[in-house]
């Protein structure tokens, strides 16, 4: 494998692993995220939402930033490393994909038992 392809592969593996690890950490550790309130059409940076809100965009933004940073580090390390065997390269890719799978499984596990809570009916509303 030529050095440029090795650097690209290392960057890709680092990006996949960092994206999965960041998503996994954000699912396990409570932290301030960027929440989107679709009914109000606004974005807020907070720990817990105060109404109907989505955190997927904030989590994806943070994980993407971590992936880009890891991509630069992986590219520089891949360019400086010696020749890697094909088995070692597939192993790195497998670990990255395993982290992504664990992160998505955790998201599904956390969302599955959550019962939907209806919004309160405004006091001014009187059905006919």
Protein backbone atom coordinates (compact mmCIF):
# COMPACT_ATOMS: atom_id res chain seq x y z
CA UNK A 1 0.00 0.00 0.00
CA UNK A 2 1.48 3.36 -0.95
CA UNK A 3 2.01 5.99 1.78
CA UNK A 4 -0.80 8.26 0.61
CA UNK A 5 -3.36 5.45 0.57
CA UNK A 6 -2.15 4.32 3.99
CA UNK A 7 -2.58 7.86 5.36
CA UNK A 8 -6.07 8.12 3.84
CA UNK A 9 -7.10 4.76 5.28
CA UNK A 10 -5.74 5.66 8.72
CA UNK A 11 -7.62 8.97 8.60
CA UNK A 12 -10.84 7.20 7.63
CA UNK A 13 -10.50 4.64 10.41
CA UNK A 14 -9.75 7.38 12.95
CA UNK A 15 -12.77 9.37 11.78
CA UNK A 16 -15.14 6.41 12.05
CA UNK A 17 -13.81 5.48 15.49
CA UNK A 18 -13.93 9.06 16.81
CA UNK A 19 -17.48 9.59 15.53
CA UNK A 20 -18.67 6.40 17.23
CA UNK A 21 -16.77 7.11 20.45
CA UNK A 22 -18.10 10.67 20.66
CA UNK A 23 -21.68 9.50 20.11
CA UNK A 24 -21.16 6.79 22.75
CA UNK A 25 -19.75 9.23 25.32
CA UNK A 26 -22.57 11.71 24.74
CA UNK A 27 -25.08 8.92 25.32
CA UNK A 28 -23.48 7.86 28.61
CA UNK A 29 -22.35 11.15 30.16
CA UNK A 30 -24.85 13.97 30.65
CA UNK A 31 -23.51 17.10 28.95
CA UNK A 32 -24.76 20.32 27.47
CA UNK A 33 -25.93 19.81 23.89
CA UNK A 34 -27.40 21.87 21.12
CA UNK A 35 -31.16 21.17 21.18
CA UNK A 36 -33.57 22.06 18.38
CA UNK A 37 -37.13 23.03 19.31
CA UNK A 38 -39.13 22.45 16.10
CA UNK A 39 -42.36 24.02 17.36
CA UNK A 40 -40.57 27.22 18.37
CA UNK A 41 -38.03 27.03 15.53
CA UNK A 42 -35.11 27.83 17.82
CA UNK A 43 -31.86 26.31 19.00
CA UNK A 44 -30.76 26.21 22.65
CA UNK A 45 -27.56 25.00 24.28
CA UNK A 46 -28.64 23.21 27.48
CA UNK A 47 -28.36 20.04 29.54
CA UNK A 48 -32.02 18.96 29.47
CA UNK A 49 -34.79 20.22 27.17
CA UNK A 50 -37.70 22.22 28.56
CA UNK A 51 -40.23 21.04 25.98
CA UNK A 52 -40.43 19.18 22.71
CA UNK A 53 -36.84 19.15 21.44
CA UNK A 54 -34.41 17.05 19.40
CA UNK A 55 -30.78 16.49 20.37
CA UNK A 56 -29.76 14.48 17.31
CA UNK A 57 -28.42 17.52 15.46
CA UNK A 58 -26.28 18.62 18.41
CA UNK A 59 -24.89 15.11 18.95
CA UNK A 60 -24.13 14.74 15.25
CA UNK A 61 -22.41 18.14 15.17
CA UNK A 62 -20.15 17.27 18.13
CA UNK A 63 -19.37 13.81 16.78
CA UNK A 64 -18.55 15.27 13.36
CA UNK A 65 -16.17 17.81 14.89
CA UNK A 66 -14.46 14.99 16.80
CA UNK A 67 -14.25 12.93 13.59
CA UNK A 68 -12.66 15.76 11.60
CA UNK A 69 -10.08 16.36 14.34
CA UNK A 70 -9.31 12.63 14.52
CA UNK A 71 -9.04 12.54 10.72
CA UNK A 72 -6.22 15.10 10.76
CA UNK A 73 -4.40 13.19 13.50
CA UNK A 74 -4.95 9.85 11.74
CA UNK A 75 -3.68 11.21 8.44
CA UNK A 76 -0.47 12.52 9.99
CA UNK A 77 0.13 9.30 11.94
CA UNK A 78 -0.68 7.16 8.91
CA UNK A 79 1.77 9.09 6.75
CA UNK A 80 4.58 8.65 9.28
CA UNK A 81 3.94 5.01 10.17
CA UNK A 82 5.63 2.12 8.46
CA UNK A 83 3.98 -0.47 6.27
CA UNK A 84 0.91 -2.00 7.90
CA UNK A 85 -0.37 -5.44 7.05
CA UNK A 86 -3.78 -5.80 5.44
CA UNK A 87 -5.03 -7.68 8.52
CA UNK A 88 -4.03 -4.80 10.80
CA UNK A 89 -5.83 -2.31 8.55
CA UNK A 90 -9.04 -4.34 8.60
CA UNK A 91 -8.73 -4.67 12.38
CA UNK A 92 -8.64 -0.87 12.78
CA UNK A 93 -11.66 -0.48 10.52
CA UNK A 94 -13.51 -3.19 12.45
CA UNK A 95 -12.90 -1.44 15.79
CA UNK A 96 -14.17 1.82 14.36
CA UNK A 97 -17.32 0.23 13.00
CA UNK A 98 -17.85 -1.61 16.31
CA UNK A 99 -17.79 1.74 18.15
CA UNK A 100 -20.36 3.17 15.74
CA UNK A 101 -22.56 0.09 16.21
CA UNK A 102 -22.32 0.36 20.01
CA UNK A 103 -23.22 4.06 19.90
CA UNK A 104 -26.26 3.47 17.71
CA UNK A 105 -27.35 0.48 19.83
CA UNK A 106 -27.11 2.65 22.95
CA UNK A 107 -29.23 5.36 21.30
CA UNK A 108 -31.86 2.77 20.39
CA UNK A 109 -31.77 1.28 23.89
CA UNK A 110 -32.27 4.71 25.45
CA UNK A 111 -35.08 5.73 23.09
CA UNK A 112 -37.05 2.48 22.95
CA UNK A 113 -38.69 2.46 26.43
CA UNK A 114 -39.26 6.23 26.51
CA UNK A 115 -43.03 6.84 26.47
CA UNK A 116 -44.18 9.82 24.42
CA UNK A 117 -45.45 12.66 26.58
CA UNK A 118 -48.14 14.83 25.00
CA UNK A 119 -47.82 18.57 25.21
CA UNK A 120 -50.24 20.40 27.49
CA UNK A 121 -53.34 21.78 25.84
CA UNK A 122 -53.35 25.58 26.00
CA UNK A 123 -55.93 27.15 28.32
CA UNK A 124 -57.47 29.13 25.46
CA UNK A 125 -58.26 26.04 23.37
CA UNK A 126 -61.86 24.79 23.54
CA UNK A 127 -62.75 21.94 21.16
CA UNK A 128 -66.09 22.16 19.33
